[in-house]
Amino acid sequence: MAEGPPRGRTPSPGPGGAPGPPSPRAAAPPNPPAAASKWVRLNVGGTYFVSTRQTLCREPKSFLCRLCCQDGPELGSDKDETGAYLIDRDPTYFGPILNYLRHGKLIINKELAEEGVLEEAEFYNIASLVRLVKERIRDNENRTSQGPVKHVYRVLQCQEEELTQMVSTMSDGWKFEQLISIGSSYNYGNEDQAEFLCVVSRELNNSTNGIVKEPSEKAKILQERGSRM
């Protein structure tokens, strides 16, 4: 007994009434290219930023990762007419946030306040960046609390023949600042001996953690020469 065509499919008649080949099914629409979903457009306070999902999802628990993660966003957000995510934050401080996610370094322009970057890092919930900004703020506060570096100056009087030896033997932080000629004060043998005023300085740091440091012998010699003026 001859078998008929499969149920549910009626072959089109071919030439001379013979059954023709079955018609092909409708092809499925092609998938969008991967590059189309790789890039993300953000509208932060009216300024547009473009980055990759890989960059934005570098911190898994961050606001940006939850907004733009590849498996489906956890946070709902409106989009503007260009399809960019709308984020109501200051775009000025978003630049350092995005650059940190790109290369892992904290770079802040001089005109930006570190406290502003910290505020945004906390909003976007980037824990590693929060720690880094806090450390920088603490270091800057420590440097400010120490105050400006102060110097102590001394003026030493010496003859020409003593000048080279005195300058070459200075130590303990003493630095040569200025040399002033005061002419010849007396004759030594048949030659006039020129005299100079030598100005030296060093950082004023004789006390550390309440411990007073005694000057070394070379420093005492310099102090004694200066006291003769």
N, C-alpha and C. Protein backbone atom coordinates (compact mmCIF):
# COMPACT_ATOMS: atom_id res chain seq x y z
N MET A 1 0.86 -1.20 0.00
CA MET A 1 0.00 0.00 0.00
C MET A 1 0.88 1.23 0.00
N ALA A 2 0.60 2.15 -0.93
CA ALA A 2 1.46 3.34 -1.03
C ALA A 2 1.15 4.30 0.08
N GLU A 3 2.25 4.91 0.63
CA GLU A 3 2.09 5.88 1.72
C GLU A 3 1.81 7.25 1.14
N GLY A 4 0.96 7.97 1.78
CA GLY A 4 0.64 9.32 1.36
C GLY A 4 1.61 10.32 1.96
N PRO A 5 1.44 11.56 1.67
CA PRO A 5 2.31 12.61 2.23
C PRO A 5 2.10 12.74 3.73
N PRO A 6 3.10 13.24 4.43
CA PRO A 6 2.96 13.39 5.90
C PRO A 6 1.79 14.30 6.23
N ARG A 7 1.18 13.95 7.38
CA ARG A 7 0.05 14.76 7.84
C ARG A 7 0.51 16.18 8.18
N GLY A 8 -0.39 17.11 7.95
CA GLY A 8 -0.11 18.48 8.31
C GLY A 8 0.69 19.23 7.27
N ARG A 9 1.13 18.57 6.19
CA ARG A 9 1.91 19.24 5.17
C ARG A 9 1.37 18.80 3.80
N THR A 10 0.89 19.71 3.03
CA THR A 10 0.34 19.42 1.70
C THR A 10 1.33 19.86 0.66
N PRO A 11 1.89 18.92 -0.08
CA PRO A 11 2.88 19.30 -1.08
C PRO A 11 2.24 20.07 -2.21
N SER A 12 2.97 21.05 -2.67
CA SER A 12 2.47 21.85 -3.81
C SER A 12 2.55 21.00 -5.07
N PRO A 13 1.56 21.11 -5.94
CA PRO A 13 1.59 20.31 -7.18
C PRO A 13 2.71 20.75 -8.08
N GLY A 14 3.41 19.81 -8.60
CA GLY A 14 4.50 20.11 -9.52
C GLY A 14 4.00 20.07 -10.95
N PRO A 15 4.91 20.11 -11.87
CA PRO A 15 4.50 20.04 -13.28
C PRO A 15 3.78 18.75 -13.58
N GLY A 16 2.65 18.87 -14.31
CA GLY A 16 1.87 17.70 -14.68
C GLY A 16 1.09 17.12 -13.53
N GLY A 17 0.88 17.94 -12.44
CA GLY A 17 0.10 17.47 -11.31
C GLY A 17 0.89 16.67 -10.31
N ALA A 18 2.19 16.44 -10.51
CA ALA A 18 2.99 15.66 -9.56
C ALA A 18 3.30 16.52 -8.34
N PRO A 19 3.35 15.88 -7.18
CA PRO A 19 3.66 16.66 -5.96
C PRO A 19 5.03 17.30 -6.06
N GLY A 20 5.12 18.58 -5.67
CA GLY A 20 6.38 19.31 -5.67
C GLY A 20 7.06 19.27 -4.31
N PRO A 21 8.24 19.84 -4.19
CA PRO A 21 8.96 19.85 -2.90
C PRO A 21 8.24 20.73 -1.90
N PRO A 22 8.35 20.40 -0.61
CA PRO A 22 7.67 21.21 0.42
C PRO A 22 8.23 22.62 0.45
N SER A 23 7.36 23.58 0.75
CA SER A 23 7.80 24.99 0.81
C SER A 23 8.62 25.20 2.07
N PRO A 24 9.72 25.96 1.98
CA PRO A 24 10.56 26.20 3.17
C PRO A 24 9.85 27.05 4.20
N ARG A 25 10.24 26.83 5.47
CA ARG A 25 9.66 27.63 6.56
C ARG A 25 10.22 29.06 6.50
N ALA A 26 9.47 29.98 7.12
CA ALA A 26 9.91 31.38 7.15
C ALA A 26 11.16 31.49 8.00
N ALA A 27 12.20 32.16 7.48
CA ALA A 27 13.45 32.30 8.21
C ALA A 27 13.28 33.24 9.39
N ALA A 28 13.95 32.92 10.54
CA ALA A 28 13.89 33.76 11.74
C ALA A 28 14.69 35.03 11.52
N PRO A 29 14.28 36.16 12.09
CA PRO A 29 15.03 37.42 11.92
C PRO A 29 16.42 37.27 12.50
N PRO A 30 17.43 37.83 11.85
CA PRO A 30 18.81 37.70 12.34
C PRO A 30 18.98 38.39 13.68
N ASN A 31 19.88 37.83 14.54
CA ASN A 31 20.17 38.42 15.84
C ASN A 31 20.96 39.71 15.64
N PRO A 32 20.75 40.69 16.50
CA PRO A 32 21.52 41.94 16.37
C PRO A 32 22.98 41.66 16.63
N PRO A 33 23.88 42.36 15.96
CA PRO A 33 25.31 42.15 16.18
C PRO A 33 25.71 42.41 17.61
N ALA A 34 26.76 41.66 18.05
CA ALA A 34 27.18 41.79 19.45
C ALA A 34 27.63 43.19 19.77
N ALA A 35 28.22 43.90 18.79
CA ALA A 35 28.73 45.25 19.04
C ALA A 35 27.63 46.22 19.42
N ALA A 36 26.37 45.94 18.95
CA ALA A 36 25.27 46.85 19.24
C ALA A 36 24.93 46.86 20.71
N SER A 37 25.12 45.74 21.44
CA SER A 37 24.80 45.67 22.85
C SER A 37 26.02 45.84 23.74
N LYS A 38 27.20 45.98 23.13
CA LYS A 38 28.43 46.12 23.91
C LYS A 38 28.55 47.50 24.51
N TRP A 39 28.13 48.52 23.79
CA TRP A 39 28.29 49.90 24.23
C TRP A 39 27.04 50.40 24.94
N VAL A 40 27.25 51.23 25.94
CA VAL A 40 26.16 51.79 26.74
C VAL A 40 26.29 53.30 26.72
N ARG A 41 25.17 53.94 26.53
CA ARG A 41 25.12 55.41 26.49
C ARG A 41 24.45 55.91 27.77
N LEU A 42 25.12 56.83 28.45
CA LEU A 42 24.61 57.37 29.71
C LEU A 42 24.40 58.87 29.57
N ASN A 43 23.28 59.34 30.11
CA ASN A 43 23.00 60.76 30.17
C ASN A 43 23.06 61.17 31.64
N VAL A 44 24.21 61.70 32.05
CA VAL A 44 24.44 62.06 33.45
C VAL A 44 24.27 63.57 33.59
N GLY A 45 23.17 63.98 34.16
CA GLY A 45 22.93 65.41 34.38
C GLY A 45 22.96 66.23 33.11
N GLY A 46 22.60 65.64 31.96
CA GLY A 46 22.57 66.36 30.70
C GLY A 46 23.83 66.21 29.87
N THR A 47 24.84 65.52 30.38
CA THR A 47 26.09 65.28 29.64
C THR A 47 26.16 63.80 29.27
N TYR A 48 26.50 63.52 28.03
CA TYR A 48 26.53 62.14 27.55
C TYR A 48 27.90 61.51 27.77
N PHE A 49 27.88 60.27 28.22
CA PHE A 49 29.07 59.44 28.36
C PHE A 49 28.80 58.11 27.67
N VAL A 50 29.80 57.58 27.00
CA VAL A 50 29.68 56.29 26.33
C VAL A 50 30.77 55.38 26.85
N SER A 51 30.38 54.17 27.24
CA SER A 51 31.35 53.20 27.75
C SER A 51 30.83 51.81 27.43
N THR A 52 31.64 50.81 27.75
CA THR A 52 31.25 49.42 27.51
C THR A 52 30.60 48.83 28.75
N ARG A 53 29.82 47.80 28.54
CA ARG A 53 29.22 47.10 29.68
C ARG A 53 30.30 46.47 30.55
N GLN A 54 31.36 46.01 29.93
CA GLN A 54 32.44 45.40 30.71
C GLN A 54 33.03 46.41 31.69
N THR A 55 33.22 47.65 31.26
CA THR A 55 33.74 48.67 32.16
C THR A 55 32.76 49.01 33.26
N LEU A 56 31.51 49.22 32.89
CA LEU A 56 30.50 49.62 33.87
C LEU A 56 30.20 48.52 34.87
N CYS A 57 30.45 47.27 34.50
CA CYS A 57 30.15 46.15 35.39
C CYS A 57 31.40 45.63 36.10
N ARG A 58 32.46 46.44 36.14
CA ARG A 58 33.70 46.00 36.78
C ARG A 58 33.51 45.82 38.28
N GLU A 59 32.67 46.64 38.89
CA GLU A 59 32.33 46.48 40.31
C GLU A 59 30.94 45.84 40.37
N PRO A 60 30.86 44.54 40.69
CA PRO A 60 29.58 43.81 40.57
C PRO A 60 28.44 44.39 41.40
N LYS A 61 28.76 45.01 42.54
CA LYS A 61 27.71 45.52 43.43
C LYS A 61 27.43 47.00 43.22
N SER A 62 28.04 47.59 42.22
CA SER A 62 27.88 49.03 42.02
C SER A 62 26.54 49.35 41.38
N PHE A 63 26.17 50.60 41.49
CA PHE A 63 24.93 51.09 40.88
C PHE A 63 24.96 50.90 39.37
N LEU A 64 26.09 51.18 38.75
CA LEU A 64 26.18 51.10 37.29
C LEU A 64 26.07 49.67 36.81
N CYS A 65 26.64 48.73 37.55
CA CYS A 65 26.54 47.33 37.15
C CYS A 65 25.10 46.84 37.27
N ARG A 66 24.43 47.22 38.32
CA ARG A 66 23.03 46.81 38.51
C ARG A 66 22.12 47.47 37.48
N LEU A 67 22.55 48.63 36.96
CA LEU A 67 21.75 49.32 35.97
C LEU A 67 21.95 48.75 34.56
N CYS A 68 23.19 48.34 34.27
CA CYS A 68 23.53 47.97 32.88
C CYS A 68 24.06 46.55 32.75
N CYS A 69 23.83 45.68 33.73
CA CYS A 69 24.41 44.34 33.66
C CYS A 69 23.83 43.56 32.49
N GLN A 70 24.59 42.62 31.99
CA GLN A 70 24.21 41.91 30.77
C GLN A 70 23.07 40.93 30.98
N ASP A 71 22.88 40.40 32.18
CA ASP A 71 21.86 39.38 32.42
C ASP A 71 20.47 39.98 32.65
N GLY A 72 20.36 41.27 32.54
CA GLY A 72 19.08 41.91 32.79
C GLY A 72 19.24 42.90 33.93
N PRO A 73 18.89 44.15 33.73
CA PRO A 73 19.11 45.17 34.76
C PRO A 73 18.29 44.93 36.02
N GLU A 74 18.91 45.16 37.17
CA GLU A 74 18.20 45.04 38.44
C GLU A 74 17.49 46.34 38.80
N LEU A 75 17.99 47.45 38.28
CA LEU A 75 17.41 48.75 38.59
C LEU A 75 16.70 49.29 37.36
N GLY A 76 15.53 49.85 37.60
CA GLY A 76 14.80 50.48 36.52
C GLY A 76 15.27 51.91 36.33
N SER A 77 15.36 52.34 35.10
CA SER A 77 15.79 53.71 34.83
C SER A 77 15.15 54.17 33.54
N ASP A 78 14.74 55.42 33.54
CA ASP A 78 14.19 55.99 32.32
C ASP A 78 15.31 56.22 31.31
N LYS A 79 14.93 56.26 30.05
CA LYS A 79 15.87 56.56 28.98
C LYS A 79 15.36 57.77 28.20
N ASP A 80 16.31 58.53 27.66
CA ASP A 80 15.91 59.68 26.87
C ASP A 80 15.61 59.26 25.43
N GLU A 81 15.39 60.24 24.57
CA GLU A 81 15.00 59.93 23.20
C GLU A 81 16.11 59.25 22.41
N THR A 82 17.36 59.32 22.88
CA THR A 82 18.47 58.64 22.19
C THR A 82 18.71 57.23 22.73
N GLY A 83 17.95 56.84 23.75
CA GLY A 83 18.16 55.53 24.35
C GLY A 83 19.18 55.51 25.46
N ALA A 84 19.66 56.68 25.89
CA ALA A 84 20.65 56.75 26.96
C ALA A 84 19.98 56.66 28.32
N TYR A 85 20.63 55.97 29.25
CA TYR A 85 20.13 55.89 30.61
C TYR A 85 20.20 57.28 31.26
N LEU A 86 19.14 57.69 31.91
CA LEU A 86 19.09 58.98 32.59
C LEU A 86 19.54 58.82 34.04
N ILE A 87 20.59 59.56 34.41
CA ILE A 87 21.11 59.53 35.78
C ILE A 87 21.20 60.97 36.27
N ASP A 88 20.48 61.28 37.32
CA ASP A 88 20.40 62.65 37.83
C ASP A 88 21.54 62.90 38.83
N ARG A 89 22.76 63.03 38.30
CA ARG A 89 23.94 63.32 39.13
C ARG A 89 24.80 64.36 38.41
N ASP A 90 25.78 64.89 39.14
CA ASP A 90 26.66 65.92 38.61
C ASP A 90 27.63 65.29 37.61
N PRO A 91 27.60 65.71 36.34
CA PRO A 91 28.50 65.11 35.36
C PRO A 91 29.97 65.49 35.58
N THR A 92 30.22 66.61 36.29
CA THR A 92 31.60 67.05 36.50
C THR A 92 32.40 66.00 37.26
N TYR A 93 31.76 65.35 38.22
CA TYR A 93 32.46 64.38 39.06
C TYR A 93 32.29 62.94 38.56
N PHE A 94 31.55 62.78 37.46
CA PHE A 94 31.39 61.43 36.93
C PHE A 94 32.61 60.99 36.14
N GLY A 95 33.35 61.94 35.59
CA GLY A 95 34.56 61.61 34.83
C GLY A 95 35.56 60.79 35.62
N PRO A 96 35.97 61.23 36.83
CA PRO A 96 36.89 60.41 37.63
C PRO A 96 36.33 59.04 37.99
N ILE A 97 35.01 58.96 38.17
CA ILE A 97 34.39 57.66 38.47
C ILE A 97 34.54 56.71 37.30
N LEU A 98 34.21 57.19 36.11
CA LEU A 98 34.28 56.34 34.93
C LEU A 98 35.72 55.96 34.59
N ASN A 99 36.65 56.90 34.73
CA ASN A 99 38.05 56.59 34.44
C ASN A 99 38.61 55.56 35.43
N TYR A 100 38.18 55.61 36.67
CA TYR A 100 38.63 54.61 37.64
C TYR A 100 38.16 53.21 37.23
N LEU A 101 36.92 53.11 36.75
CA LEU A 101 36.43 51.82 36.30
C LEU A 101 37.18 51.34 35.06
N ARG A 102 37.68 52.28 34.27
CA ARG A 102 38.40 51.90 33.05
C ARG A 102 39.79 51.36 33.33
N HIS A 103 40.56 52.06 34.21
CA HIS A 103 41.96 51.65 34.40
C HIS A 103 42.37 51.44 35.85
N GLY A 104 41.45 51.63 36.80
CA GLY A 104 41.76 51.33 38.19
C GLY A 104 42.62 52.36 38.89
N LYS A 105 42.79 53.56 38.31
CA LYS A 105 43.60 54.60 38.94
C LYS A 105 42.73 55.80 39.27
N LEU A 106 43.04 56.44 40.40
CA LEU A 106 42.31 57.62 40.82
C LEU A 106 43.03 58.87 40.30
N ILE A 107 42.41 59.54 39.34
CA ILE A 107 42.97 60.76 38.76
C ILE A 107 41.94 61.86 38.92
N ILE A 108 42.31 62.91 39.66
CA ILE A 108 41.39 64.01 39.94
C ILE A 108 42.04 65.30 39.48
N ASN A 109 41.36 66.05 38.64
CA ASN A 109 41.87 67.34 38.22
C ASN A 109 41.95 68.30 39.40
N LYS A 110 42.87 69.26 39.29
CA LYS A 110 43.10 70.17 40.41
C LYS A 110 41.87 71.00 40.76
N GLU A 111 41.03 71.28 39.77
CA GLU A 111 39.86 72.12 40.05
C GLU A 111 38.71 71.35 40.70
N LEU A 112 38.86 70.04 40.84
CA LEU A 112 37.81 69.23 41.46
C LEU A 112 38.14 68.96 42.93
N ALA A 113 37.10 68.98 43.75
CA ALA A 113 37.27 68.69 45.18
C ALA A 113 37.21 67.18 45.40
N GLU A 114 38.14 66.68 46.20
CA GLU A 114 38.15 65.25 46.47
C GLU A 114 36.89 64.81 47.21
N GLU A 115 36.33 65.72 48.02
CA GLU A 115 35.10 65.38 48.72
C GLU A 115 33.94 65.15 47.74
N GLY A 116 33.94 65.89 46.63
CA GLY A 116 32.91 65.68 45.62
C GLY A 116 33.04 64.33 44.94
N VAL A 117 34.27 63.91 44.66
CA VAL A 117 34.48 62.58 44.08
C VAL A 117 34.06 61.50 45.07
N LEU A 118 34.35 61.72 46.35
CA LEU A 118 33.94 60.75 47.37
C LEU A 118 32.43 60.62 47.43
N GLU A 119 31.73 61.73 47.35
CA GLU A 119 30.26 61.70 47.38
C GLU A 119 29.71 60.87 46.23
N GLU A 120 30.28 61.04 45.02
CA GLU A 120 29.79 60.28 43.88
C GLU A 120 30.19 58.81 43.97
N ALA A 121 31.38 58.53 44.48
CA ALA A 121 31.81 57.13 44.64
C ALA A 121 30.89 56.40 45.60
N GLU A 122 30.44 57.09 46.64
CA GLU A 122 29.52 56.46 47.59
C GLU A 122 28.14 56.27 46.96
N PHE A 123 27.70 57.23 46.14
CA PHE A 123 26.40 57.08 45.49
C PHE A 123 26.40 55.89 44.54
N TYR A 124 27.45 55.76 43.73
CA TYR A 124 27.54 54.66 42.78
C TYR A 124 27.97 53.35 43.44
N ASN A 125 28.24 53.39 44.74
CA ASN A 125 28.54 52.19 45.53
C ASN A 125 29.76 51.44 44.98
N ILE A 126 30.84 52.20 44.74
CA ILE A 126 32.10 51.61 44.29
C ILE A 126 33.03 51.57 45.51
N ALA A 127 33.02 50.46 46.23
CA ALA A 127 33.67 50.38 47.53
C ALA A 127 35.18 50.61 47.45
N SER A 128 35.84 50.04 46.47
CA SER A 128 37.29 50.20 46.37
C SER A 128 37.68 51.65 46.12
N LEU A 129 36.88 52.36 45.34
CA LEU A 129 37.16 53.77 45.07
C LEU A 129 36.88 54.62 46.30
N VAL A 130 35.87 54.28 47.05
CA VAL A 130 35.57 55.00 48.30
C VAL A 130 36.77 54.94 49.24
N ARG A 131 37.35 53.75 49.40
CA ARG A 131 38.51 53.60 50.29
C ARG A 131 39.69 54.42 49.77
N LEU A 132 39.89 54.41 48.46
CA LEU A 132 41.03 55.11 47.88
C LEU A 132 40.90 56.62 48.07
N VAL A 133 39.72 57.16 47.85
CA VAL A 133 39.52 58.61 48.01
C VAL A 133 39.67 59.01 49.47
N LYS A 134 39.15 58.21 50.38
CA LYS A 134 39.28 58.51 51.81
C LYS A 134 40.74 58.52 52.24
N GLU A 135 41.53 57.60 51.73
CA GLU A 135 42.95 57.57 52.06
C GLU A 135 43.65 58.84 51.56
N ARG A 136 43.30 59.28 50.36
CA ARG A 136 43.94 60.49 49.82
C ARG A 136 43.54 61.71 50.63
N ILE A 137 42.28 61.81 51.01
CA ILE A 137 41.83 62.94 51.82
C ILE A 137 42.54 62.95 53.16
N ARG A 138 42.70 61.77 53.77
CA ARG A 138 43.38 61.68 55.07
C ARG A 138 44.85 62.08 54.95
N ASP A 139 45.52 61.65 53.87
CA ASP A 139 46.92 62.02 53.67
C ASP A 139 47.07 63.53 53.49
N ASN A 140 46.16 64.14 52.74
CA ASN A 140 46.23 65.59 52.54
C ASN A 140 46.00 66.34 53.85
N GLU A 141 45.09 65.84 54.67
CA GLU A 141 44.83 66.49 55.96
C GLU A 141 46.05 66.39 56.87
N ASN A 142 46.75 65.25 56.83
CA ASN A 142 47.95 65.09 57.65
C ASN A 142 49.04 66.06 57.21
N ARG A 143 49.21 66.21 55.91
CA ARG A 143 50.22 67.16 55.43
C ARG A 143 49.87 68.58 55.80
N THR A 144 48.57 68.92 55.75
CA THR A 144 48.15 70.28 56.10
C THR A 144 48.35 70.55 57.58
N SER A 145 48.09 69.55 58.43
CA SER A 145 48.22 69.74 59.88
C SER A 145 49.66 69.96 60.29
N GLN A 146 50.62 69.45 59.52
CA GLN A 146 52.02 69.65 59.84
C GLN A 146 52.48 71.07 59.58
N GLY A 147 51.74 71.82 58.78
CA GLY A 147 52.08 73.20 58.51
C GLY A 147 53.22 73.32 57.52
N PRO A 148 53.49 74.56 57.10
CA PRO A 148 54.58 74.78 56.13
C PRO A 148 55.94 74.50 56.75
N VAL A 149 56.87 74.16 55.90
CA VAL A 149 58.23 73.88 56.35
C VAL A 149 58.93 75.19 56.71
N LYS A 150 59.50 75.25 57.90
CA LYS A 150 60.21 76.44 58.34
C LYS A 150 61.72 76.21 58.24
N HIS A 151 62.44 77.32 58.08
CA HIS A 151 63.89 77.26 57.94
C HIS A 151 64.54 78.18 58.97
N VAL A 152 65.72 77.81 59.38
CA VAL A 152 66.54 78.65 60.23
C VAL A 152 67.74 79.11 59.40
N TYR A 153 68.07 80.38 59.51
CA TYR A 153 69.16 80.97 58.73
C TYR A 153 70.27 81.45 59.65
N ARG A 154 71.49 81.33 59.17
CA ARG A 154 72.65 81.84 59.90
C ARG A 154 73.57 82.57 58.93
N VAL A 155 74.19 83.61 59.45
CA VAL A 155 75.15 84.39 58.67
C VAL A 155 76.53 84.18 59.28
N LEU A 156 77.45 83.65 58.49
CA LEU A 156 78.79 83.34 58.95
C LEU A 156 79.79 84.27 58.28
N GLN A 157 80.74 84.77 59.07
CA GLN A 157 81.79 85.62 58.52
C GLN A 157 83.07 84.80 58.40
N CYS A 158 83.72 84.89 57.26
CA CYS A 158 84.93 84.12 57.03
C CYS A 158 85.85 84.84 56.07
N GLN A 159 87.12 84.46 56.11
CA GLN A 159 88.08 84.99 55.16
C GLN A 159 88.06 84.15 53.88
N GLU A 160 88.69 84.67 52.87
CA GLU A 160 88.69 84.00 51.58
C GLU A 160 89.29 82.61 51.65
N GLU A 161 90.37 82.47 52.42
CA GLU A 161 91.03 81.17 52.50
C GLU A 161 90.21 80.13 53.26
N GLU A 162 89.24 80.57 54.05
CA GLU A 162 88.39 79.65 54.81
C GLU A 162 87.11 79.29 54.07
N LEU A 163 86.81 80.04 53.04
CA LEU A 163 85.51 79.92 52.40
C LEU A 163 85.28 78.54 51.80
N THR A 164 86.23 78.07 51.01
CA THR A 164 86.05 76.79 50.33
C THR A 164 85.89 75.65 51.32
N GLN A 165 86.72 75.64 52.35
CA GLN A 165 86.65 74.56 53.33
C GLN A 165 85.33 74.59 54.09
N MET A 166 84.87 75.79 54.43
CA MET A 166 83.64 75.89 55.20
C MET A 166 82.43 75.39 54.40
N VAL A 167 82.34 75.80 53.14
CA VAL A 167 81.20 75.40 52.32
C VAL A 167 81.23 73.89 52.05
N SER A 168 82.42 73.35 51.79
CA SER A 168 82.53 71.92 51.45
C SER A 168 82.29 71.01 52.64
N THR A 169 82.43 71.51 53.85
CA THR A 169 82.26 70.66 55.04
C THR A 169 80.90 70.84 55.70
N MET A 170 80.02 71.61 55.11
CA MET A 170 78.69 71.77 55.71
C MET A 170 77.91 70.46 55.62
N SER A 171 77.18 70.13 56.67
CA SER A 171 76.37 68.91 56.69
C SER A 171 75.18 69.14 57.60
N ASP A 172 74.55 68.03 58.02
CA ASP A 172 73.39 68.09 58.93
C ASP A 172 72.26 68.94 58.36
N GLY A 173 72.09 68.94 57.04
CA GLY A 173 70.98 69.65 56.44
C GLY A 173 71.25 71.10 56.13
N TRP A 174 72.41 71.61 56.49
CA TRP A 174 72.74 72.99 56.17
C TRP A 174 72.98 73.14 54.66
N LYS A 175 72.42 74.21 54.10
CA LYS A 175 72.58 74.49 52.68
C LYS A 175 73.09 75.91 52.48
N PHE A 176 73.95 76.06 51.48
CA PHE A 176 74.47 77.38 51.14
C PHE A 176 73.37 78.18 50.44
N GLU A 177 73.17 79.43 50.88
CA GLU A 177 72.14 80.28 50.31
C GLU A 177 72.71 81.47 49.54
N GLN A 178 73.67 82.19 50.17
CA GLN A 178 74.15 83.41 49.54
C GLN A 178 75.54 83.76 50.07
N LEU A 179 76.34 84.36 49.20
CA LEU A 179 77.67 84.81 49.58
C LEU A 179 77.77 86.31 49.31
N ILE A 180 78.16 87.07 50.34
CA ILE A 180 78.24 88.53 50.24
C ILE A 180 79.66 88.96 50.55
N SER A 181 80.24 89.67 49.63
CA SER A 181 81.59 90.19 49.84
C SER A 181 81.52 91.48 50.63
N ILE A 182 82.35 91.57 51.67
CA ILE A 182 82.41 92.80 52.48
C ILE A 182 83.77 93.48 52.35
N GLY A 183 84.53 93.12 51.31
CA GLY A 183 85.80 93.77 51.02
C GLY A 183 86.94 93.21 51.85
N SER A 184 88.04 93.96 51.91
CA SER A 184 89.24 93.55 52.63
C SER A 184 89.29 94.27 53.96
N SER A 185 89.47 93.51 55.02
CA SER A 185 89.47 94.12 56.36
C SER A 185 90.88 94.33 56.90
N TYR A 186 91.83 93.55 56.45
CA TYR A 186 93.17 93.70 57.00
C TYR A 186 94.18 93.09 56.04
N ASN A 187 95.44 93.42 56.26
CA ASN A 187 96.54 92.86 55.48
C ASN A 187 97.14 91.69 56.23
N TYR A 188 97.37 90.62 55.49
CA TYR A 188 98.04 89.47 56.06
C TYR A 188 99.32 89.26 55.25
N GLY A 189 100.43 89.69 55.84
CA GLY A 189 101.67 89.70 55.08
C GLY A 189 101.60 90.80 54.05
N ASN A 190 101.82 90.45 52.81
CA ASN A 190 101.78 91.42 51.72
C ASN A 190 100.47 91.35 50.92
N GLU A 191 99.53 90.51 51.35
CA GLU A 191 98.29 90.32 50.58
C GLU A 191 97.08 90.78 51.39
N ASP A 192 96.15 91.37 50.69
CA ASP A 192 94.87 91.73 51.32
C ASP A 192 94.02 90.48 51.45
N GLN A 193 93.42 90.29 52.59
CA GLN A 193 92.54 89.16 52.85
C GLN A 193 91.08 89.61 52.73
N ALA A 194 90.41 89.13 51.70
CA ALA A 194 89.00 89.49 51.51
C ALA A 194 88.14 88.74 52.51
N GLU A 195 87.08 89.40 52.95
CA GLU A 195 86.14 88.79 53.90
C GLU A 195 84.77 88.68 53.24
N PHE A 196 84.05 87.65 53.68
CA PHE A 196 82.74 87.38 53.11
C PHE A 196 81.74 87.09 54.23
N LEU A 197 80.49 87.35 53.91
CA LEU A 197 79.38 86.89 54.74
C LEU A 197 78.72 85.74 53.99
N CYS A 198 78.64 84.60 54.62
CA CYS A 198 78.07 83.39 54.02
C CYS A 198 76.74 83.08 54.70
N VAL A 199 75.65 83.10 53.92
CA VAL A 199 74.31 82.83 54.47
C VAL A 199 73.98 81.36 54.22
N VAL A 200 73.67 80.62 55.28
CA VAL A 200 73.32 79.21 55.18
C VAL A 200 71.97 78.99 55.86
N SER A 201 71.31 77.90 55.50
CA SER A 201 69.99 77.61 56.08
C SER A 201 69.79 76.10 56.17
N ARG A 202 68.81 75.72 56.97
CA ARG A 202 68.37 74.34 57.03
C ARG A 202 66.94 74.31 57.54
N GLU A 203 66.26 73.19 57.31
CA GLU A 203 64.88 73.05 57.79
C GLU A 203 64.87 72.98 59.30
N LEU A 204 63.88 73.66 59.89
CA LEU A 204 63.76 73.68 61.34
C LEU A 204 63.00 72.45 61.78
N ASN A 205 63.73 71.44 62.20
CA ASN A 205 63.12 70.16 62.57
C ASN A 205 63.93 69.53 63.70
N ASN A 206 64.01 70.24 64.81
CA ASN A 206 64.79 69.76 65.95
C ASN A 206 63.98 68.94 66.93
N SER A 207 62.69 68.83 66.68
CA SER A 207 61.86 68.09 67.62
C SER A 207 60.96 67.15 66.86
N THR A 208 61.00 65.88 67.22
CA THR A 208 60.15 64.87 66.59
C THR A 208 59.50 64.04 67.69
N ASN A 209 58.15 64.08 67.73
CA ASN A 209 57.40 63.32 68.73
C ASN A 209 57.85 63.66 70.15
N GLY A 210 58.15 64.95 70.37
CA GLY A 210 58.50 65.38 71.72
C GLY A 210 59.95 65.14 72.08
N ILE A 211 60.76 64.56 71.21
CA ILE A 211 62.16 64.28 71.51
C ILE A 211 63.00 65.36 70.86
N VAL A 212 63.77 66.08 71.67
CA VAL A 212 64.61 67.15 71.15
C VAL A 212 65.94 66.55 70.73
N LYS A 213 66.33 66.82 69.49
CA LYS A 213 67.57 66.29 68.96
C LYS A 213 68.70 67.29 69.17
N GLU A 214 69.79 66.84 69.72
CA GLU A 214 70.94 67.69 69.90
C GLU A 214 71.68 67.85 68.58
N PRO A 215 72.15 69.06 68.29
CA PRO A 215 72.91 69.24 67.05
C PRO A 215 74.24 68.52 67.12
N SER A 216 74.71 68.09 65.97
CA SER A 216 75.99 67.40 65.92
C SER A 216 77.13 68.40 66.08
N GLU A 217 78.35 67.87 66.13
CA GLU A 217 79.51 68.73 66.34
C GLU A 217 79.66 69.74 65.21
N LYS A 218 79.44 69.29 63.96
CA LYS A 218 79.58 70.21 62.84
C LYS A 218 78.52 71.31 62.89
N ALA A 219 77.33 70.94 63.32
CA ALA A 219 76.30 71.96 63.44
C ALA A 219 76.63 72.95 64.55
N LYS A 220 77.20 72.45 65.64
CA LYS A 220 77.59 73.35 66.73
C LYS A 220 78.65 74.34 66.27
N ILE A 221 79.60 73.87 65.45
CA ILE A 221 80.64 74.77 64.94
C ILE A 221 80.02 75.89 64.11
N LEU A 222 79.06 75.53 63.26
CA LEU A 222 78.39 76.55 62.45
C LEU A 222 77.64 77.54 63.33
N GLN A 223 77.00 77.03 64.39
CA GLN A 223 76.26 77.92 65.28
C GLN A 223 77.21 78.85 66.03
N GLU A 224 78.37 78.32 66.44
CA GLU A 224 79.32 79.16 67.15
C GLU A 224 79.88 80.26 66.25
N ARG A 225 80.16 79.89 65.00
CA ARG A 225 80.64 80.92 64.07
C ARG A 225 79.59 81.99 63.82
N GLY A 226 78.33 81.57 63.72
CA GLY A 226 77.28 82.54 63.52
C GLY A 226 77.08 83.45 64.72
N SER A 227 77.31 82.93 65.91
CA SER A 227 77.11 83.75 67.11
C SER A 227 78.18 84.82 67.26
N ARG A 228 79.25 84.75 66.51
CA ARG A 228 80.31 85.76 66.61
C ARG A 228 79.90 87.07 65.96
N MET A 229 78.86 86.99 65.09
CA MET A 229 78.43 88.22 64.38
C MET A 229 77.81 89.22 65.36
